[in-house]
Amino acid sequence: MSGVRRLVQRIGWALNGIGYTVKTQPNMQIHLTAAVLAVLLCLYLRMPARELAVVLVTIFMVLAAEMFNTALEAAVDLYTRKRHPLARAAKDVAAGAVLLTALNALVVAYLLIWPRFYEVIIK
């Protein structure tokens, strides 16, 4: 198989993973909705490129964390359906990582988006 064909195949698998997460995880749907609204608001507010880049990196961190969480939960569920403290810990830690990235996103939004949005509302 040629290198380009293999690359396209790998990209297809990655897109399947993204699609699976979007279709099966309500939290990913919430994150994506918030992301789209945040980006549209940033564009409306004409945020400078550097600030927009920070917002975009923050968004992609949240989305990636949600996908890692989904992958870990699937792997744990594949391994065992029994309740086990380590299985619970693994799932809780992964969920905690998502929570931390989401809280970070709120901080970034407060620091970068809110002041510009507030200016528009006041005027």
C-alpha atoms as a PDB file:
ATOM      1  CA  MET A   1       0.000   0.000   0.000  1.00  0.00           C
ATOM      2  CA  SER A   2       1.401   3.408  -0.919  1.00  0.00           C
ATOM      3  CA  GLY A   3       2.342   5.956   1.713  1.00  0.00           C
ATOM      4  CA  VAL A   4      -0.389   8.367   0.666  1.00  0.00           C
ATOM      5  CA  ARG A   5      -3.020   5.635   0.719  1.00  0.00           C
ATOM      6  CA  ARG A   6      -1.926   4.580   4.227  1.00  0.00           C
ATOM      7  CA  LEU A   7      -2.043   8.200   5.394  1.00  0.00           C
ATOM      8  CA  VAL A   8      -5.555   8.624   4.029  1.00  0.00           C
ATOM      9  CA  GLN A   9      -6.577   5.381   5.746  1.00  0.00           C
ATOM     10  CA  ARG A  10      -5.155   6.569   9.080  1.00  0.00           C
ATOM     11  CA  ILE A  11      -6.916   9.902   8.754  1.00  0.00           C
ATOM     12  CA  GLY A  12     -10.139   7.987   8.052  1.00  0.00           C
ATOM     13  CA  TRP A  13      -9.702   5.961  11.249  1.00  0.00           C
ATOM     14  CA  ALA A  14      -9.107   9.155  13.210  1.00  0.00           C
ATOM     15  CA  LEU A  15     -12.225  10.734  11.736  1.00  0.00           C
ATOM     16  CA  ASN A  16     -14.168   7.586  12.665  1.00  0.00           C
ATOM     17  CA  GLY A  17     -12.987   8.061  16.243  1.00  0.00           C
ATOM     18  CA  ILE A  18     -14.121  11.662  16.277  1.00  0.00           C
ATOM     19  CA  GLY A  19     -17.466  10.666  14.776  1.00  0.00           C
ATOM     20  CA  TYR A  20     -17.935   7.883  17.323  1.00  0.00           C
ATOM     21  CA  THR A  21     -17.289  10.298  20.173  1.00  0.00           C
ATOM     22  CA  VAL A  22     -19.665  12.926  18.788  1.00  0.00           C
ATOM     23  CA  LYS A  23     -22.421  10.355  18.171  1.00  0.00           C
ATOM     24  CA  THR A  24     -22.163   8.520  21.491  1.00  0.00           C
ATOM     25  CA  GLN A  25     -21.091  11.099  24.054  1.00  0.00           C
ATOM     26  CA  PRO A  26     -23.579  13.799  25.079  1.00  0.00           C
ATOM     27  CA  ASN A  27     -20.797  15.762  26.780  1.00  0.00           C
ATOM     28  CA  MET A  28     -18.864  15.926  23.502  1.00  0.00           C
ATOM     29  CA  GLN A  29     -21.966  17.345  21.837  1.00  0.00           C
ATOM     30  CA  ILE A  30     -22.159  19.984  24.576  1.00  0.00           C
ATOM     31  CA  HIS A  31     -18.448  20.792  24.199  1.00  0.00           C
ATOM     32  CA  LEU A  32     -18.785  21.113  20.418  1.00  0.00           C
ATOM     33  CA  THR A  33     -21.823  23.370  20.697  1.00  0.00           C
ATOM     34  CA  ALA A  34     -20.016  25.601  23.189  1.00  0.00           C
ATOM     35  CA  ALA A  35     -16.926  25.594  20.960  1.00  0.00           C
ATOM     36  CA  VAL A  36     -18.838  26.689  17.869  1.00  0.00           C
ATOM     37  CA  LEU A  37     -20.596  29.453  19.816  1.00  0.00           C
ATOM     38  CA  ALA A  38     -17.304  30.624  21.333  1.00  0.00           C
ATOM     39  CA  VAL A  39     -15.541  30.751  17.961  1.00  0.00           C
ATOM     40  CA  LEU A  40     -18.455  32.595  16.354  1.00  0.00           C
ATOM     41  CA  LEU A  41     -18.436  35.097  19.213  1.00  0.00           C
ATOM     42  CA  CYS A  42     -14.666  35.559  18.883  1.00  0.00           C
ATOM     43  CA  LEU A  43     -15.045  36.214  15.169  1.00  0.00           C
ATOM     44  CA  TYR A  44     -17.909  38.637  15.791  1.00  0.00           C
ATOM     45  CA  LEU A  45     -15.778  40.472  18.364  1.00  0.00           C
ATOM     46  CA  ARG A  46     -12.858  40.543  15.891  1.00  0.00           C
ATOM     47  CA  MET A  47     -10.445  39.132  18.429  1.00  0.00           C
ATOM     48  CA  PRO A  48      -6.761  39.452  17.552  1.00  0.00           C
ATOM     49  CA  ALA A  49      -5.210  36.353  16.005  1.00  0.00           C
ATOM     50  CA  ARG A  50      -3.091  35.536  19.065  1.00  0.00           C
ATOM     51  CA  GLU A  51      -6.070  35.621  21.394  1.00  0.00           C
ATOM     52  CA  LEU A  52      -8.137  33.574  18.966  1.00  0.00           C
ATOM     53  CA  ALA A  53      -5.281  31.061  18.814  1.00  0.00           C
ATOM     54  CA  VAL A  54      -5.359  30.728  22.615  1.00  0.00           C
ATOM     55  CA  VAL A  55      -9.117  30.162  22.501  1.00  0.00           C
ATOM     56  CA  LEU A  56      -8.743  27.545  19.752  1.00  0.00           C
ATOM     57  CA  VAL A  57      -5.968  25.667  21.577  1.00  0.00           C
ATOM     58  CA  THR A  58      -8.128  25.685  24.701  1.00  0.00           C
ATOM     59  CA  ILE A  59     -11.110  24.338  22.770  1.00  0.00           C
ATOM     60  CA  PHE A  60      -9.092  21.546  21.188  1.00  0.00           C
ATOM     61  CA  MET A  61      -7.667  20.596  24.601  1.00  0.00           C
ATOM     62  CA  VAL A  62     -11.186  20.095  25.928  1.00  0.00           C
ATOM     63  CA  LEU A  63     -12.244  18.079  22.880  1.00  0.00           C
ATOM     64  CA  ALA A  64      -9.117  15.905  23.045  1.00  0.00           C
ATOM     65  CA  ALA A  65      -9.597  15.321  26.778  1.00  0.00           C
ATOM     66  CA  GLU A  66     -13.177  14.205  26.131  1.00  0.00           C
ATOM     67  CA  MET A  67     -11.945  11.795  23.467  1.00  0.00           C
ATOM     68  CA  PHE A  68      -9.238  10.362  25.752  1.00  0.00           C
ATOM     69  CA  ASN A  69     -11.903   9.932  28.425  1.00  0.00           C
ATOM     70  CA  THR A  70     -14.165   8.103  25.971  1.00  0.00           C
ATOM     71  CA  ALA A  71     -11.312   5.851  24.831  1.00  0.00           C
ATOM     72  CA  LEU A  72     -10.343   4.992  28.405  1.00  0.00           C
ATOM     73  CA  GLU A  73     -13.924   4.236  29.395  1.00  0.00           C
ATOM     74  CA  ALA A  74     -14.326   1.963  26.362  1.00  0.00           C
ATOM     75  CA  ALA A  75     -11.096   0.123  27.173  1.00  0.00           C
ATOM     76  CA  VAL A  76     -12.065  -0.363  30.822  1.00  0.00           C
ATOM     77  CA  ASP A  77     -15.548  -1.570  29.832  1.00  0.00           C
ATOM     78  CA  LEU A  78     -14.014  -3.973  27.312  1.00  0.00           C
ATOM     79  CA  TYR A  79     -11.717  -5.373  29.971  1.00  0.00           C
ATOM     80  CA  THR A  80     -14.347  -5.819  32.675  1.00  0.00           C
ATOM     81  CA  ARG A  81     -17.979  -5.088  33.426  1.00  0.00           C
ATOM     82  CA  LYS A  82     -17.437  -5.886  37.100  1.00  0.00           C
ATOM     83  CA  ARG A  83     -17.198  -3.086  39.581  1.00  0.00           C
ATOM     84  CA  HIS A  84     -13.602  -2.663  40.630  1.00  0.00           C
ATOM     85  CA  PRO A  85     -11.999   0.202  42.551  1.00  0.00           C
ATOM     86  CA  LEU A  86      -9.197   0.595  39.989  1.00  0.00           C
ATOM     87  CA  ALA A  87     -11.647   0.644  37.071  1.00  0.00           C
ATOM     88  CA  ARG A  88     -13.636   3.332  38.881  1.00  0.00           C
ATOM     89  CA  ALA A  89     -10.445   5.271  39.653  1.00  0.00           C
ATOM     90  CA  ALA A  90      -9.348   5.165  36.004  1.00  0.00           C
ATOM     91  CA  LYS A  91     -12.710   6.457  34.815  1.00  0.00           C
ATOM     92  CA  ASP A  92     -12.897   9.123  37.520  1.00  0.00           C
ATOM     93  CA  VAL A  93      -9.372  10.374  36.813  1.00  0.00           C
ATOM     94  CA  ALA A  94     -10.109  10.645  33.091  1.00  0.00           C
ATOM     95  CA  ALA A  95     -13.357  12.480  33.831  1.00  0.00           C
ATOM     96  CA  GLY A  96     -11.416  14.768  36.171  1.00  0.00           C
ATOM     97  CA  ALA A  97      -9.039  15.622  33.325  1.00  0.00           C
ATOM     98  CA  VAL A  98     -12.007  16.659  31.196  1.00  0.00           C
ATOM     99  CA  LEU A  99     -13.341  18.766  34.053  1.00  0.00           C
ATOM    100  CA  LEU A 100      -9.984  20.515  34.484  1.00  0.00           C
ATOM    101  CA  THR A 101      -9.742  21.366  30.798  1.00  0.00           C
ATOM    102  CA  ALA A 102     -13.337  22.600  30.783  1.00  0.00           C
ATOM    103  CA  LEU A 103     -12.678  24.806  33.825  1.00  0.00           C
ATOM    104  CA  ASN A 104      -9.566  26.130  32.100  1.00  0.00           C
ATOM    105  CA  ALA A 105     -11.716  26.944  29.069  1.00  0.00           C
ATOM    106  CA  LEU A 106     -14.043  28.959  31.286  1.00  0.00           C
ATOM    107  CA  VAL A 107     -11.083  30.892  32.693  1.00  0.00           C
ATOM    108  CA  VAL A 108      -9.769  31.606  29.190  1.00  0.00           C
ATOM    109  CA  ALA A 109     -13.243  32.734  28.103  1.00  0.00           C
ATOM    110  CA  TYR A 110     -13.513  35.002  31.138  1.00  0.00           C
ATOM    111  CA  LEU A 111     -10.090  36.542  30.546  1.00  0.00           C
ATOM    112  CA  LEU A 112     -10.170  36.893  26.758  1.00  0.00           C
ATOM    113  CA  ILE A 113     -13.758  36.880  25.561  1.00  0.00           C
ATOM    114  CA  TRP A 114     -15.767  38.397  28.392  1.00  0.00           C
ATOM    115  CA  PRO A 115     -14.052  41.851  28.459  1.00  0.00           C
ATOM    116  CA  ARG A 116     -14.627  42.352  24.720  1.00  0.00           C
ATOM    117  CA  PHE A 117     -18.174  41.037  24.929  1.00  0.00           C
ATOM    118  CA  TYR A 118     -18.879  43.288  27.933  1.00  0.00           C
ATOM    119  CA  GLU A 119     -17.684  46.312  25.933  1.00  0.00           C
ATOM    120  CA  VAL A 120     -20.150  45.484  23.156  1.00  0.00           C
ATOM    121  CA  ILE A 121     -23.013  45.066  25.635  1.00  0.00           C
ATOM    122  CA  ILE A 122     -22.287  48.364  27.418  1.00  0.00           C
ATOM    123  CA  LYS A 123     -22.123  50.402  24.200  1.00  0.00           C
END
